[in-house]
């Protein structure tokens, strides 16, 4: 089975032209997942044969299955061609793509497009396999409408600054000239942030933050800690600054407010994961990002993890 050359996918047109039949889409799914050695997703054996219908049969456990079983495409009624086009669109657009726009682009309902986007975002889950190191900037942001922009009857008292009454806190860590990690958190207290930092940042790393008291324990946790005092209009002191992570927050806000307009607390982490993926692959080509997403989509996953997205 000939391996797909993903470098050819440098535009939406190239994706649409290549995946032009259901048969070709199924072949691409099979090749990317198994190559020529079909492995049964139920028993893990290699004694599988393809039937005339394009499905597979395991001669050991006697299961019949398709190439989509155990992937985000399992039990879908949407064509694989539409799935692949959606994956390319969300991976190539710098600010994401809304469900309304996707529904028009691939001819599905808005509800179906939203469901597809949520399942695709499930592929973006962040990992702590490779710790941030070197110089890392940490910062927090609060997602929610500014009180000054609301009508008087909609304003809530005591929501200035770091209040979480009407805003959702997000904590971010970024390695200079490296990757970013961002997590939706319940608050920005020391007991909330320190375990996250210790999980994702290597020991003895230099960490730069603002003057938030929650970071005061960093120097006692095998980290070198530098502080920039924003409240005193101090933003850069030599190499000490948090401009890089603030740049990520700027991109994240543009995605949320410019494309999606509203993000619920329930699904916030998936939107954060999407922007983290986009930032961490920002120097990669569209074809690379599509290849990476395709590989994640065909990797074995638990269907229960991605089916309940509503």
Protein backbone atom coordinates (compact mmCIF):
# COMPACT_ATOMS: atom_id res chain seq x y z
CA UNK A 1 0.00 0.00 0.00
CA UNK A 2 1.53 3.30 -1.11
CA UNK A 3 2.24 5.75 1.70
CA UNK A 4 0.63 9.17 1.51
CA UNK A 5 2.97 12.10 0.92
CA UNK A 6 1.45 14.75 3.20
CA UNK A 7 3.71 17.47 1.82
CA UNK A 8 1.34 17.66 -1.15
CA UNK A 9 -1.39 19.11 1.07
CA UNK A 10 -0.47 22.78 0.93
CA UNK A 11 -4.00 24.07 0.34
CA UNK A 12 -7.62 23.11 0.91
CA UNK A 13 -7.95 22.45 -2.82
CA UNK A 14 -5.16 19.86 -2.75
CA UNK A 15 -6.91 18.03 0.13
CA UNK A 16 -10.26 18.08 -1.68
CA UNK A 17 -8.69 16.86 -4.95
CA UNK A 18 -6.84 13.96 -3.32
CA UNK A 19 -9.62 12.67 -1.07
CA UNK A 20 -12.16 12.64 -3.89
CA UNK A 21 -13.83 9.27 -3.29
CA UNK A 22 -14.97 7.28 -0.20
CA UNK A 23 -12.67 4.44 -1.25
CA UNK A 24 -9.62 6.69 -1.31
CA UNK A 25 -10.50 8.11 2.10
CA UNK A 26 -10.80 4.63 3.61
CA UNK A 27 -7.51 3.59 2.01
CA UNK A 28 -5.80 6.65 3.50
CA UNK A 29 -7.23 5.85 6.92
CA UNK A 30 -6.10 2.22 6.71
CA UNK A 31 -2.62 3.06 5.43
CA UNK A 32 -2.00 5.78 8.00
CA UNK A 33 -3.16 3.57 10.83
CA UNK A 34 -1.68 0.18 9.95
CA UNK A 35 0.14 0.22 6.63
CA UNK A 36 0.10 -3.31 5.19
CA UNK A 37 -0.09 -5.05 8.58
CA UNK A 38 -3.70 -4.88 9.80
CA UNK A 39 -3.96 -5.31 13.57
CA UNK A 40 -7.22 -6.26 15.23
CA UNK A 41 -8.28 -3.45 17.62
CA UNK A 42 -10.07 -6.02 19.81
CA UNK A 43 -7.46 -8.71 20.41
CA UNK A 44 -4.29 -7.12 19.02
CA UNK A 45 -3.55 -10.02 16.63
CA UNK A 46 -2.32 -9.66 13.05
CA UNK A 47 -4.47 -12.37 11.43
CA UNK A 48 -6.90 -10.02 9.70
CA UNK A 49 -8.32 -10.17 6.21
CA UNK A 50 -10.16 -7.58 4.15
CA UNK A 51 -13.63 -8.46 2.90
CA UNK A 52 -15.23 -7.34 -0.36
CA UNK A 53 -17.07 -4.60 1.53
CA UNK A 54 -13.82 -2.97 2.62
CA UNK A 55 -14.22 -4.07 6.26
CA UNK A 56 -11.81 -6.39 8.04
CA UNK A 57 -12.25 -9.74 9.73
CA UNK A 58 -10.05 -11.12 12.51
CA UNK A 59 -9.60 -14.86 12.19
CA UNK A 60 -8.56 -15.13 15.85
CA UNK A 61 -11.36 -13.38 17.79
CA UNK A 62 -13.84 -13.46 14.87
CA UNK A 63 -14.57 -9.72 15.06
CA UNK A 64 -15.50 -7.68 12.00
CA UNK A 65 -14.35 -4.08 12.05
CA UNK A 66 -13.64 -1.03 9.92
CA UNK A 67 -10.54 1.14 9.78
CA UNK A 68 -12.45 3.80 11.74
CA UNK A 69 -13.03 1.71 14.87
CA UNK A 70 -11.25 3.19 17.90
CA UNK A 71 -10.72 6.58 16.23
CA UNK A 72 -12.67 9.83 16.31
CA UNK A 73 -14.41 8.67 13.13
CA UNK A 74 -16.01 5.64 14.76
CA UNK A 75 -19.81 5.45 14.33
CA UNK A 76 -19.85 8.66 12.30
CA UNK A 77 -22.49 9.33 9.67
CA UNK A 78 -20.42 12.13 8.20
CA UNK A 79 -18.25 11.26 5.22
CA UNK A 80 -14.51 10.89 5.80
CA UNK A 81 -13.93 13.46 3.08
CA UNK A 82 -15.82 16.05 5.12
CA UNK A 83 -13.89 15.06 8.23
CA UNK A 84 -10.54 15.46 6.47
CA UNK A 85 -11.51 18.85 5.07
CA UNK A 86 -12.62 19.99 8.53
CA UNK A 87 -9.32 18.83 10.03
CA UNK A 88 -7.36 20.78 7.43
CA UNK A 89 -9.43 23.92 7.95
CA UNK A 90 -9.08 24.00 11.73
CA UNK A 91 -5.35 23.24 11.57
CA UNK A 92 -4.52 25.81 8.90
CA UNK A 93 -6.57 28.82 10.03
CA UNK A 94 -4.52 31.00 12.37
CA UNK A 95 -7.55 32.04 14.41
CA UNK A 96 -9.54 28.84 14.11
CA UNK A 97 -12.78 28.32 12.24
CA UNK A 98 -16.26 28.75 13.70
CA UNK A 99 -18.96 26.09 13.48
CA UNK A 100 -21.06 28.45 11.34
CA UNK A 101 -18.23 28.91 8.86
CA UNK A 102 -17.38 25.21 8.82
CA UNK A 103 -21.02 24.28 8.22
CA UNK A 104 -20.98 26.46 5.08
CA UNK A 105 -17.59 25.19 3.92
CA UNK A 106 -18.32 21.46 4.06
CA UNK A 107 -22.14 21.50 3.73
CA UNK A 108 -23.28 20.20 7.11
CA UNK A 109 -25.58 21.72 9.73
CA UNK A 110 -24.13 24.14 12.28
CA UNK A 111 -24.84 21.66 15.06
CA UNK A 112 -22.97 18.92 13.20
CA UNK A 113 -20.06 21.27 12.48
CA UNK A 114 -19.82 22.21 16.18
CA UNK A 115 -19.81 18.52 17.12
CA UNK A 116 -17.05 17.79 14.60
CA UNK A 117 -14.91 20.66 15.86
CA UNK A 118 -15.25 19.46 19.44
CA UNK A 119 -14.16 15.93 18.50
CA UNK A 120 -11.21 17.30 16.53
CA UNK A 121 -10.19 19.44 19.53
CA UNK A 122 -10.06 16.26 21.61
CA UNK A 123 -6.90 15.42 19.63
CA UNK A 124 -5.10 18.46 21.05
CA UNK A 125 -4.82 17.30 24.68
CA UNK A 126 -1.59 18.64 26.18
CA UNK A 127 1.14 16.34 27.43
CA UNK A 128 3.81 16.57 30.12
CA UNK A 129 6.09 14.06 28.39
CA UNK A 130 8.64 16.77 27.58
CA UNK A 131 9.14 19.23 30.45
CA UNK A 132 9.61 22.96 29.85
CA UNK A 133 13.15 24.01 30.71
CA UNK A 134 15.77 26.72 30.24
CA UNK A 135 13.92 29.99 30.82
CA UNK A 136 10.17 29.77 31.42
CA UNK A 137 7.65 32.57 31.82
CA UNK A 138 4.52 32.00 33.92
CA UNK A 139 1.44 34.17 33.91
CA UNK A 140 -2.31 34.04 34.42
CA UNK A 141 -5.18 35.59 32.51
CA UNK A 142 -8.88 35.94 33.21
CA UNK A 143 -11.32 35.23 30.42
CA UNK A 144 -14.58 37.12 30.54
CA UNK A 145 -16.22 40.36 29.49
CA UNK A 146 -14.82 43.60 30.88
CA UNK A 147 -17.26 45.20 33.32
CA UNK A 148 -16.83 48.62 31.72
CA UNK A 149 -18.24 47.24 28.46
CA UNK A 150 -21.44 45.90 30.06
CA UNK A 151 -24.78 47.59 30.58
CA UNK A 152 -25.28 48.85 34.12
CA UNK A 153 -27.85 46.19 34.99
CA UNK A 154 -25.44 43.42 33.90
CA UNK A 155 -22.43 44.63 35.88
CA UNK A 156 -21.27 42.70 38.93
CA UNK A 157 -19.63 44.44 41.86
CA UNK A 158 -16.20 43.35 43.04
CA UNK A 159 -15.02 41.87 39.75
CA UNK A 160 -12.00 44.09 39.19
CA UNK A 161 -8.51 42.70 38.72
CA UNK A 162 -8.13 39.01 39.51
CA UNK A 163 -11.72 38.37 40.62
CA UNK A 164 -13.22 35.07 39.41
CA UNK A 165 -16.85 36.00 40.03
CA UNK A 166 -17.58 36.45 36.33
CA UNK A 167 -14.25 35.45 34.79
CA UNK A 168 -12.46 32.14 34.34
CA UNK A 169 -8.76 32.04 35.27
CA UNK A 170 -6.26 30.39 32.93
CA UNK A 171 -2.67 29.63 33.88
CA UNK A 172 0.09 29.55 31.28
CA UNK A 173 3.78 28.58 31.11
CA UNK A 174 5.97 29.16 28.10
CA UNK A 175 9.56 28.19 27.39
CA UNK A 176 11.37 30.94 25.56
CA UNK A 177 11.91 29.83 21.96
CA UNK A 178 9.91 26.73 22.87
CA UNK A 179 6.44 25.42 23.63
CA UNK A 180 3.60 26.72 25.72
CA UNK A 181 1.32 24.94 28.21
CA UNK A 182 -1.98 26.48 29.34
CA UNK A 183 -4.54 25.12 31.79
CA UNK A 184 -7.95 26.37 32.90
CA UNK A 185 -7.80 26.55 36.71
CA UNK A 186 -10.32 27.13 39.50
CA UNK A 187 -8.20 29.93 41.02
CA UNK A 188 -4.65 31.28 41.04
CA UNK A 189 -3.70 30.38 44.60
CA UNK A 190 -0.34 28.85 45.44
CA UNK A 191 -1.80 25.42 46.16
CA UNK A 192 -3.38 25.41 42.69
CA UNK A 193 -0.49 26.71 40.61
CA UNK A 194 2.53 25.03 42.24
CA UNK A 195 1.54 21.41 41.40
CA UNK A 196 0.98 22.43 37.77
CA UNK A 197 4.38 24.14 37.56
CA UNK A 198 6.10 21.12 39.13
CA UNK A 199 4.33 18.81 36.66
CA UNK A 200 5.25 20.68 33.48
CA UNK A 201 8.51 22.51 34.32
CA UNK A 202 11.85 20.79 34.93
CA UNK A 203 13.69 21.38 38.21
CA UNK A 204 16.35 24.11 38.33
CA UNK A 205 14.60 26.00 35.54
CA UNK A 206 14.70 29.80 35.60
CA UNK A 207 11.12 31.05 35.97
CA UNK A 208 10.03 34.66 35.45
CA UNK A 209 6.67 35.90 36.74
CA UNK A 210 4.87 39.03 37.83
CA UNK A 211 4.50 39.92 41.51
CA UNK A 212 1.53 37.64 42.25
CA UNK A 213 2.12 36.23 45.74
CA UNK A 214 1.22 32.70 44.56
CA UNK A 215 4.67 32.49 42.95
CA UNK A 216 6.59 33.30 46.14
CA UNK A 217 7.33 29.62 46.86
CA UNK A 218 9.12 29.03 43.55
CA UNK A 219 12.58 29.72 44.97
CA UNK A 220 11.92 27.08 47.66
CA UNK A 221 10.92 24.45 45.05
CA UNK A 222 14.23 24.09 43.17
CA UNK A 223 13.50 26.92 40.72
CA UNK A 224 15.41 30.15 40.10
CA UNK A 225 12.78 32.89 40.34
CA UNK A 226 12.83 36.38 38.85
CA UNK A 227 10.02 38.91 39.32
CA UNK A 228 8.87 41.89 37.27
CA UNK A 229 6.60 44.33 39.16
CA UNK A 230 3.78 45.28 36.82
CA UNK A 231 1.96 47.26 39.53
CA UNK A 232 4.94 49.62 39.62
CA UNK A 233 4.87 50.00 35.82
CA UNK A 234 7.90 47.75 35.61
CA UNK A 235 7.71 45.47 32.57
CA UNK A 236 11.30 44.60 31.59
CA UNK A 237 14.32 44.30 33.90
CA UNK A 238 17.17 42.89 31.83
CA UNK A 239 16.09 39.37 30.88
CA UNK A 240 13.22 39.39 33.36
CA UNK A 241 9.87 39.87 31.61
CA UNK A 242 6.66 37.99 30.78
CA UNK A 243 6.10 39.45 27.31
CA UNK A 244 6.28 36.05 25.58
CA UNK A 245 3.42 34.45 27.52
CA UNK A 246 1.44 37.69 27.20
CA UNK A 247 1.90 37.38 23.44
CA UNK A 248 0.29 33.95 23.63
CA UNK A 249 -2.63 35.38 25.63
CA UNK A 250 -3.10 37.97 22.90
CA UNK A 251 -3.36 35.27 20.22
CA UNK A 252 -5.74 33.26 22.39
CA UNK A 253 -8.04 36.24 22.92
CA UNK A 254 -8.07 36.99 19.19
CA UNK A 255 -9.17 33.41 18.52
CA UNK A 256 -11.89 33.46 21.18
CA UNK A 257 -13.33 36.92 20.60
CA UNK A 258 -12.60 37.18 16.88
CA UNK A 259 -13.74 33.71 15.76
CA UNK A 260 -15.81 32.00 18.44
CA UNK A 261 -17.14 35.10 20.27
CA UNK A 262 -18.17 33.03 23.27
CA UNK A 263 -16.64 30.02 25.02
CA UNK A 264 -18.40 28.24 27.88
CA UNK A 265 -16.52 27.25 31.03
CA UNK A 266 -17.45 23.62 30.37
CA UNK A 267 -15.57 23.48 27.07
CA UNK A 268 -12.91 26.13 27.77
CA UNK A 269 -10.00 23.68 28.08
CA UNK A 270 -10.57 22.28 24.59
CA UNK A 271 -10.36 25.77 23.09
CA UNK A 272 -7.18 26.40 25.09
CA UNK A 273 -5.74 23.12 23.79
CA UNK A 274 -6.54 24.19 20.24
CA UNK A 275 -4.64 27.47 20.57
CA UNK A 276 -1.73 25.74 22.34
CA UNK A 277 -1.44 23.31 19.40
CA UNK A 278 -1.56 26.22 16.96
CA UNK A 279 1.11 28.16 18.87
CA UNK A 280 3.43 25.18 19.30
CA UNK A 281 3.27 24.41 15.56
CA UNK A 282 3.23 28.03 14.37
CA UNK A 283 6.54 27.63 12.53
CA UNK A 284 5.38 24.46 10.78
CA UNK A 285 3.75 24.30 7.38
CA UNK A 286 0.05 23.60 6.83
CA UNK A 287 0.94 20.18 5.47
CA UNK A 288 2.95 19.35 8.61
CA UNK A 289 0.10 20.35 10.92
CA UNK A 290 -2.40 18.36 8.85
CA UNK A 291 -0.09 15.34 8.92
CA UNK A 292 0.30 15.64 12.69
CA UNK A 293 -3.46 15.93 13.19
CA UNK A 294 -4.12 13.01 10.82
CA UNK A 295 -1.72 10.84 12.82
CA UNK A 296 -3.49 11.76 16.06
CA UNK A 297 -6.91 11.12 14.50
CA UNK A 298 -6.09 7.56 13.43
CA UNK A 299 -4.28 6.60 16.61
CA UNK A 300 -6.16 4.25 18.90
CA UNK A 301 -8.37 6.08 21.38
CA UNK A 302 -11.31 5.29 23.60
CA UNK A 303 -14.53 6.22 21.82
CA UNK A 304 -16.11 7.17 25.19
CA UNK A 305 -13.45 9.88 25.61
CA UNK A 306 -14.57 11.79 22.53
CA UNK A 307 -18.23 10.94 21.93
CA UNK A 308 -19.74 13.02 24.75
CA UNK A 309 -18.83 16.53 23.66
CA UNK A 310 -22.16 18.28 24.11
